Amino acid sequence: MQISTISFKKLVLLGLIFCGILSSALAAFSGSESDALLDPKIKVADKATSESFKLAAGYDRIVYFEKLQILIKALQVGGTNTQIESEAIGSHTTTKDEIIFLFGEPDQVIQNTLYHYNLNAAGTCKAVIGINKDGLVTFSVIKGC
């Protein structure tokens, strides 16, 4: 049996269309979760401040930290996570991953429970963020400034 050139081209075209649709669907499905983890919801101005904070490592950056500090929500005294009103950073108890998203890798990590970020060139002014075993922020303070 011989396949005509026209029907073969149609078959190839249908195959390409099917593969394109399938790959788009797979990308959309697998990307929805990972995109949320890689790029949490944050206001454009806060994103710019976050990038400025990260780029200013080794220099004075207390002003950037103070602007972003309002997004850090500590775990309530009772030890339960605050009600999540939305997925945006600042609307619920902040997680370790969100802290790293906002401020980058800490300048110092102590026993996986304290994150230190240097806020001046000398390293005497620090932001200290407490993280519990569940990866939730328990406190956030500025010391030595």
N, C-alpha and C. Protein backbone atom coordinates (compact mmCIF):
# COMPACT_ATOMS: atom_id res chain seq x y z
N MET A 1 0.84 -1.17 0.00
CA MET A 1 0.00 0.00 0.00
C MET A 1 0.88 1.24 0.00
N GLN A 2 0.53 2.20 -0.84
CA GLN A 2 1.34 3.39 -0.98
C GLN A 2 0.54 4.59 -0.48
N ILE A 3 1.22 5.43 0.34
CA ILE A 3 0.58 6.65 0.86
C ILE A 3 0.89 7.79 -0.09
N SER A 4 -0.13 8.51 -0.46
CA SER A 4 0.10 9.62 -1.38
C SER A 4 0.86 10.74 -0.66
N THR A 5 1.54 11.56 -1.43
CA THR A 5 2.32 12.65 -0.88
C THR A 5 1.44 13.64 -0.12
N ILE A 6 0.26 13.92 -0.60
CA ILE A 6 -0.64 14.87 0.06
C ILE A 6 -1.10 14.33 1.40
N SER A 7 -1.52 13.11 1.47
CA SER A 7 -2.00 12.56 2.74
C SER A 7 -0.84 12.40 3.73
N PHE A 8 0.38 12.10 3.24
CA PHE A 8 1.53 12.00 4.12
C PHE A 8 1.84 13.36 4.75
N LYS A 9 1.78 14.42 3.95
CA LYS A 9 2.02 15.77 4.46
C LYS A 9 0.97 16.15 5.49
N LYS A 10 -0.28 15.77 5.23
CA LYS A 10 -1.34 16.06 6.20
C LYS A 10 -1.11 15.30 7.51
N LEU A 11 -0.68 14.07 7.39
CA LEU A 11 -0.41 13.25 8.57
C LEU A 11 0.73 13.85 9.39
N VAL A 12 1.79 14.27 8.73
CA VAL A 12 2.91 14.91 9.42
C VAL A 12 2.46 16.21 10.09
N LEU A 13 1.69 17.01 9.39
CA LEU A 13 1.19 18.27 9.93
C LEU A 13 0.32 18.02 11.16
N LEU A 14 -0.58 17.05 11.10
CA LEU A 14 -1.41 16.72 12.25
C LEU A 14 -0.56 16.24 13.43
N GLY A 15 0.47 15.47 13.13
CA GLY A 15 1.38 15.00 14.18
C GLY A 15 2.10 16.15 14.86
N LEU A 16 2.56 17.11 14.05
CA LEU A 16 3.25 18.29 14.60
C LEU A 16 2.30 19.13 15.45
N ILE A 17 1.08 19.30 14.98
CA ILE A 17 0.09 20.06 15.74
C ILE A 17 -0.20 19.37 17.07
N PHE A 18 -0.38 18.05 17.02
CA PHE A 18 -0.64 17.29 18.24
C PHE A 18 0.52 17.42 19.22
N CYS A 19 1.75 17.28 18.73
CA CYS A 19 2.93 17.40 19.59
C CYS A 19 3.04 18.80 20.19
N GLY A 20 2.72 19.81 19.41
CA GLY A 20 2.75 21.18 19.91
C GLY A 20 1.73 21.41 21.01
N ILE A 21 0.52 20.90 20.79
CA ILE A 21 -0.52 21.03 21.80
C ILE A 21 -0.14 20.28 23.07
N LEU A 22 0.37 19.08 22.91
CA LEU A 22 0.76 18.26 24.05
C LEU A 22 1.90 18.92 24.83
N SER A 23 2.92 19.42 24.15
CA SER A 23 4.04 20.04 24.86
C SER A 23 3.62 21.33 25.54
N SER A 24 2.71 22.09 24.94
CA SER A 24 2.19 23.31 25.58
C SER A 24 1.41 22.97 26.84
N ALA A 25 0.60 21.95 26.76
CA ALA A 25 -0.19 21.54 27.92
C ALA A 25 0.72 21.05 29.04
N LEU A 26 1.73 20.26 28.70
CA LEU A 26 2.66 19.78 29.73
C LEU A 26 3.44 20.93 30.35
N ALA A 27 3.86 21.89 29.55
CA ALA A 27 4.60 23.04 30.09
C ALA A 27 3.72 23.86 31.01
N ALA A 28 2.47 24.05 30.63
CA ALA A 28 1.55 24.82 31.46
C ALA A 28 1.27 24.09 32.77
N PHE A 29 1.09 22.78 32.70
CA PHE A 29 0.79 22.01 33.89
C PHE A 29 1.98 21.97 34.84
N SER A 30 3.16 21.64 34.32
CA SER A 30 4.33 21.53 35.19
C SER A 30 4.85 22.89 35.61
N GLY A 31 4.63 23.92 34.82
CA GLY A 31 5.14 25.25 35.16
C GLY A 31 4.31 25.97 36.19
N SER A 32 3.05 25.62 36.35
CA SER A 32 2.19 26.37 37.26
C SER A 32 2.67 26.28 38.69
N GLU A 33 3.09 25.10 39.14
CA GLU A 33 3.56 24.95 40.50
C GLU A 33 4.95 25.53 40.66
N SER A 34 5.86 25.21 39.76
CA SER A 34 7.23 25.66 39.91
C SER A 34 7.35 27.17 39.76
N ASP A 35 6.55 27.78 38.89
CA ASP A 35 6.58 29.23 38.74
C ASP A 35 6.18 29.90 40.05
N ALA A 36 5.19 29.35 40.74
CA ALA A 36 4.75 29.94 42.00
C ALA A 36 5.86 29.88 43.03
N LEU A 37 6.64 28.80 43.03
CA LEU A 37 7.74 28.68 43.98
C LEU A 37 8.91 29.58 43.60
N LEU A 38 9.16 29.71 42.31
CA LEU A 38 10.29 30.51 41.88
C LEU A 38 10.00 31.99 41.88
N ASP A 39 8.80 32.37 41.72
CA ASP A 39 8.46 33.79 41.64
C ASP A 39 7.19 34.08 42.43
N PRO A 40 7.31 34.15 43.77
CA PRO A 40 6.13 34.44 44.59
C PRO A 40 5.50 35.78 44.21
N LYS A 41 4.24 35.94 44.55
CA LYS A 41 3.54 37.17 44.22
C LYS A 41 4.09 38.30 45.09
N ILE A 42 4.45 39.39 44.42
CA ILE A 42 5.03 40.54 45.10
C ILE A 42 4.79 41.78 44.24
N LYS A 43 4.62 42.91 44.87
CA LYS A 43 4.40 44.16 44.12
C LYS A 43 5.66 44.51 43.34
N VAL A 44 5.48 45.19 42.24
CA VAL A 44 6.60 45.57 41.38
C VAL A 44 7.62 46.41 42.14
N ALA A 45 7.15 47.37 42.94
CA ALA A 45 8.06 48.22 43.72
C ALA A 45 8.85 47.40 44.73
N ASP A 46 8.19 46.42 45.37
CA ASP A 46 8.89 45.56 46.33
C ASP A 46 9.90 44.67 45.63
N LYS A 47 9.59 44.20 44.44
CA LYS A 47 10.52 43.39 43.65
C LYS A 47 11.76 44.21 43.32
N ALA A 48 11.58 45.47 42.95
CA ALA A 48 12.71 46.35 42.64
C ALA A 48 13.56 46.60 43.89
N THR A 49 12.91 46.79 45.03
CA THR A 49 13.63 46.99 46.29
C THR A 49 14.41 45.74 46.66
N SER A 50 13.80 44.58 46.45
CA SER A 50 14.45 43.30 46.71
C SER A 50 15.71 43.15 45.86
N GLU A 51 15.61 43.46 44.59
CA GLU A 51 16.77 43.37 43.70
C GLU A 51 17.85 44.35 44.12
N SER A 52 17.46 45.55 44.53
CA SER A 52 18.43 46.54 44.99
C SER A 52 19.15 46.06 46.25
N PHE A 53 18.40 45.44 47.16
CA PHE A 53 18.99 44.90 48.39
C PHE A 53 20.05 43.86 48.03
N LYS A 54 19.72 42.95 47.15
CA LYS A 54 20.66 41.89 46.77
C LYS A 54 21.90 42.46 46.08
N LEU A 55 21.71 43.45 45.21
CA LEU A 55 22.83 44.04 44.48
C LEU A 55 23.74 44.86 45.39
N ALA A 56 23.21 45.34 46.51
CA ALA A 56 23.99 46.18 47.43
C ALA A 56 24.74 45.37 48.48
N ALA A 57 24.84 44.07 48.31
CA ALA A 57 25.57 43.23 49.27
C ALA A 57 26.99 43.78 49.44
N GLY A 58 27.41 43.93 50.71
CA GLY A 58 28.73 44.48 51.00
C GLY A 58 28.72 45.99 51.17
N TYR A 59 27.58 46.61 50.99
CA TYR A 59 27.43 48.06 51.12
C TYR A 59 26.29 48.35 52.09
N ASP A 60 26.02 49.63 52.31
CA ASP A 60 24.91 50.01 53.17
C ASP A 60 23.60 49.68 52.46
N ARG A 61 22.78 48.89 53.12
CA ARG A 61 21.50 48.50 52.52
C ARG A 61 20.37 48.42 53.54
N ILE A 62 20.53 49.12 54.65
CA ILE A 62 19.51 49.11 55.70
C ILE A 62 18.19 49.69 55.19
N VAL A 63 18.26 50.72 54.36
CA VAL A 63 17.04 51.36 53.84
C VAL A 63 16.21 50.35 53.05
N TYR A 64 16.87 49.53 52.24
CA TYR A 64 16.15 48.52 51.47
C TYR A 64 15.51 47.48 52.39
N PHE A 65 16.26 47.06 53.40
CA PHE A 65 15.71 46.07 54.32
C PHE A 65 14.49 46.62 55.05
N GLU A 66 14.59 47.86 55.51
CA GLU A 66 13.46 48.47 56.24
C GLU A 66 12.21 48.55 55.37
N LYS A 67 12.39 48.82 54.08
CA LYS A 67 11.23 48.88 53.17
C LYS A 67 10.60 47.50 53.00
N LEU A 68 11.42 46.45 52.97
CA LEU A 68 10.91 45.10 52.77
C LEU A 68 10.46 44.43 54.07
N GLN A 69 10.90 44.96 55.21
CA GLN A 69 10.60 44.33 56.49
C GLN A 69 9.09 44.26 56.75
N ILE A 70 8.33 45.16 56.17
CA ILE A 70 6.87 45.11 56.38
C ILE A 70 6.25 43.87 55.74
N LEU A 71 6.97 43.24 54.82
CA LEU A 71 6.47 42.01 54.19
C LEU A 71 6.73 40.77 55.04
N ILE A 72 7.56 40.90 56.07
CA ILE A 72 7.90 39.75 56.91
C ILE A 72 6.86 39.62 58.01
N LYS A 73 6.11 38.53 57.98
CA LYS A 73 5.10 38.24 59.00
C LYS A 73 5.59 37.06 59.82
N ALA A 74 5.78 37.29 61.12
CA ALA A 74 6.27 36.23 62.01
C ALA A 74 5.12 35.33 62.45
N LEU A 75 5.48 34.12 62.81
CA LEU A 75 4.53 33.15 63.33
C LEU A 75 3.88 33.72 64.58
N GLN A 76 2.60 33.53 64.73
CA GLN A 76 1.87 34.03 65.89
C GLN A 76 2.33 33.35 67.17
N VAL A 77 2.16 34.01 68.30
CA VAL A 77 2.62 33.50 69.59
C VAL A 77 2.07 32.11 69.87
N GLY A 78 0.84 31.84 69.48
CA GLY A 78 0.24 30.53 69.70
C GLY A 78 0.90 29.42 68.91
N GLY A 79 1.75 29.78 67.95
CA GLY A 79 2.48 28.79 67.18
C GLY A 79 1.78 28.29 65.94
N THR A 80 0.67 28.91 65.57
CA THR A 80 -0.04 28.48 64.36
C THR A 80 0.19 29.49 63.26
N ASN A 81 0.15 29.02 62.05
CA ASN A 81 0.33 29.87 60.89
C ASN A 81 -0.86 30.81 60.76
N THR A 82 -0.59 32.06 60.40
CA THR A 82 -1.69 33.00 60.21
C THR A 82 -2.52 32.57 59.01
N GLN A 83 -3.76 32.97 58.99
CA GLN A 83 -4.66 32.63 57.88
C GLN A 83 -4.12 33.20 56.58
N ILE A 84 -4.02 32.37 55.57
CA ILE A 84 -3.54 32.83 54.27
C ILE A 84 -4.69 33.48 53.52
N GLU A 85 -4.58 34.79 53.37
CA GLU A 85 -5.61 35.54 52.65
C GLU A 85 -5.33 35.53 51.15
N SER A 86 -4.07 35.46 50.82
CA SER A 86 -3.67 35.36 49.42
C SER A 86 -2.28 34.74 49.39
N GLU A 87 -1.78 34.50 48.19
CA GLU A 87 -0.46 33.91 48.05
C GLU A 87 0.64 34.95 48.08
N ALA A 88 0.29 36.22 48.15
CA ALA A 88 1.29 37.28 48.12
C ALA A 88 2.13 37.28 49.38
N ILE A 89 3.42 37.55 49.21
CA ILE A 89 4.30 37.66 50.37
C ILE A 89 3.80 38.83 51.22
N GLY A 90 3.71 38.59 52.52
CA GLY A 90 3.24 39.62 53.44
C GLY A 90 1.80 39.42 53.88
N SER A 91 1.09 38.49 53.25
CA SER A 91 -0.30 38.24 53.61
C SER A 91 -0.44 37.04 54.54
N HIS A 92 0.66 36.37 54.82
CA HIS A 92 0.65 35.18 55.66
C HIS A 92 2.02 35.06 56.34
N THR A 93 2.16 34.11 57.24
CA THR A 93 3.45 33.90 57.89
C THR A 93 4.50 33.64 56.81
N THR A 94 5.58 34.39 56.87
CA THR A 94 6.62 34.30 55.86
C THR A 94 7.41 33.01 56.01
N THR A 95 7.76 32.42 54.88
CA THR A 95 8.52 31.17 54.88
C THR A 95 10.00 31.45 54.62
N LYS A 96 10.82 30.45 54.90
CA LYS A 96 12.26 30.52 54.64
C LYS A 96 12.50 30.79 53.16
N ASP A 97 11.77 30.12 52.29
CA ASP A 97 11.95 30.31 50.85
C ASP A 97 11.61 31.74 50.42
N GLU A 98 10.58 32.31 51.03
CA GLU A 98 10.21 33.70 50.70
C GLU A 98 11.27 34.67 51.19
N ILE A 99 11.89 34.39 52.34
CA ILE A 99 12.98 35.24 52.84
C ILE A 99 14.14 35.21 51.85
N ILE A 100 14.49 34.03 51.40
CA ILE A 100 15.59 33.92 50.44
C ILE A 100 15.22 34.58 49.12
N PHE A 101 13.96 34.48 48.72
CA PHE A 101 13.51 35.17 47.51
C PHE A 101 13.66 36.68 47.67
N LEU A 102 13.26 37.21 48.83
CA LEU A 102 13.32 38.66 49.06
C LEU A 102 14.74 39.19 49.22
N PHE A 103 15.56 38.47 50.00
CA PHE A 103 16.86 39.02 50.42
C PHE A 103 18.07 38.27 49.86
N GLY A 104 17.84 37.17 49.18
CA GLY A 104 18.96 36.37 48.70
C GLY A 104 19.46 35.45 49.79
N GLU A 105 20.54 34.75 49.50
CA GLU A 105 21.13 33.85 50.50
C GLU A 105 21.67 34.69 51.66
N PRO A 106 21.47 34.23 52.89
CA PRO A 106 21.96 34.98 54.05
C PRO A 106 23.48 35.08 54.06
N ASP A 107 23.99 36.14 54.69
CA ASP A 107 25.43 36.28 54.85
C ASP A 107 25.96 35.26 55.85
N GLN A 108 25.10 34.88 56.79
CA GLN A 108 25.48 33.87 57.78
C GLN A 108 24.22 33.11 58.20
N VAL A 109 24.35 31.79 58.34
CA VAL A 109 23.27 30.94 58.83
C VAL A 109 23.78 30.24 60.08
N ILE A 110 23.03 30.35 61.17
CA ILE A 110 23.42 29.70 62.42
C ILE A 110 22.42 28.60 62.72
N GLN A 111 22.90 27.36 62.68
CA GLN A 111 22.13 26.16 62.99
C GLN A 111 20.78 26.09 62.26
N ASN A 112 20.73 26.59 61.06
CA ASN A 112 19.52 26.60 60.23
C ASN A 112 18.33 27.30 60.88
N THR A 113 18.57 28.05 61.97
CA THR A 113 17.45 28.72 62.66
C THR A 113 17.61 30.24 62.68
N LEU A 114 18.80 30.75 62.42
CA LEU A 114 19.01 32.20 62.40
C LEU A 114 19.67 32.59 61.09
N TYR A 115 19.04 33.51 60.39
CA TYR A 115 19.59 34.05 59.16
C TYR A 115 20.08 35.46 59.45
N HIS A 116 21.35 35.73 59.13
CA HIS A 116 21.92 37.06 59.32
C HIS A 116 22.18 37.68 57.95
N TYR A 117 21.76 38.92 57.80
CA TYR A 117 22.06 39.71 56.60
C TYR A 117 22.80 40.96 57.05
N ASN A 118 24.00 41.18 56.51
CA ASN A 118 24.74 42.39 56.83
C ASN A 118 24.06 43.58 56.16
N LEU A 119 23.87 44.65 56.95
CA LEU A 119 23.18 45.82 56.41
C LEU A 119 24.11 47.00 56.20
N ASN A 120 25.39 46.84 56.57
CA ASN A 120 26.37 47.89 56.28
C ASN A 120 27.67 47.24 55.84
N ALA A 121 28.59 48.05 55.35
CA ALA A 121 29.85 47.53 54.81
C ALA A 121 30.70 46.87 55.89
N ALA A 122 30.64 47.39 57.11
CA ALA A 122 31.46 46.85 58.20
C ALA A 122 30.91 45.53 58.74
N GLY A 123 29.65 45.24 58.48
CA GLY A 123 29.04 44.01 58.97
C GLY A 123 28.61 44.09 60.42
N THR A 124 28.61 45.31 60.98
CA THR A 124 28.19 45.47 62.38
C THR A 124 26.68 45.65 62.50
N CYS A 125 26.05 46.14 61.49
CA CYS A 125 24.59 46.33 61.45
C CYS A 125 24.02 45.11 60.72
N LYS A 126 23.14 44.37 61.40
CA LYS A 126 22.63 43.12 60.83
C LYS A 126 21.11 43.02 60.96
N ALA A 127 20.53 42.35 59.99
CA ALA A 127 19.14 41.90 60.11
C ALA A 127 19.24 40.46 60.57
N VAL A 128 18.50 40.12 61.62
CA VAL A 128 18.49 38.75 62.13
C VAL A 128 17.07 38.23 62.00
N ILE A 129 16.92 37.10 61.31
CA ILE A 129 15.60 36.51 61.07
C ILE A 129 15.61 35.10 61.63
N GLY A 130 14.66 34.83 62.53
CA GLY A 130 14.54 33.50 63.12
C GLY A 130 13.65 32.61 62.27
N ILE A 131 14.07 31.37 62.08
CA ILE A 131 13.33 30.40 61.28
C ILE A 131 13.11 29.15 62.15
N ASN A 132 11.88 28.66 62.23
CA ASN A 132 11.63 27.45 63.03
C ASN A 132 11.87 26.19 62.19
N LYS A 133 11.68 25.02 62.81
CA LYS A 133 11.95 23.74 62.14
C LYS A 133 11.02 23.50 60.95
N ASP A 134 9.88 24.19 60.91
CA ASP A 134 8.94 24.05 59.80
C ASP A 134 9.22 25.03 58.67
N GLY A 135 10.28 25.85 58.82
CA GLY A 135 10.64 26.81 57.77
C GLY A 135 9.83 28.08 57.81
N LEU A 136 9.24 28.42 58.96
CA LEU A 136 8.45 29.64 59.11
C LEU A 136 9.22 30.67 59.94
N VAL A 137 9.05 31.93 59.61
CA VAL A 137 9.72 33.01 60.33
C VAL A 137 9.09 33.16 61.71
N THR A 138 9.96 33.23 62.73
CA THR A 138 9.47 33.43 64.10
C THR A 138 9.71 34.84 64.59
N PHE A 139 10.72 35.54 64.03
CA PHE A 139 10.96 36.94 64.38
C PHE A 139 11.88 37.55 63.34
N SER A 140 11.93 38.88 63.36
CA SER A 140 12.81 39.63 62.49
C SER A 140 13.22 40.90 63.22
N VAL A 141 14.53 41.13 63.40
CA VAL A 141 15.02 42.33 64.09
C VAL A 141 16.24 42.88 63.38
N ILE A 142 16.51 44.15 63.65
CA ILE A 142 17.74 44.80 63.18
C ILE A 142 18.59 45.05 64.42
N LYS A 143 19.88 44.65 64.37
CA LYS A 143 20.77 44.77 65.52
C LYS A 143 22.06 45.48 65.15
N GLY A 144 22.59 46.22 66.09
CA GLY A 144 23.92 46.80 65.97
C GLY A 144 24.03 47.98 65.03
N CYS A 145 22.95 48.64 64.74
CA CYS A 145 22.99 49.76 63.81
C CYS A 145 23.08 51.10 64.55
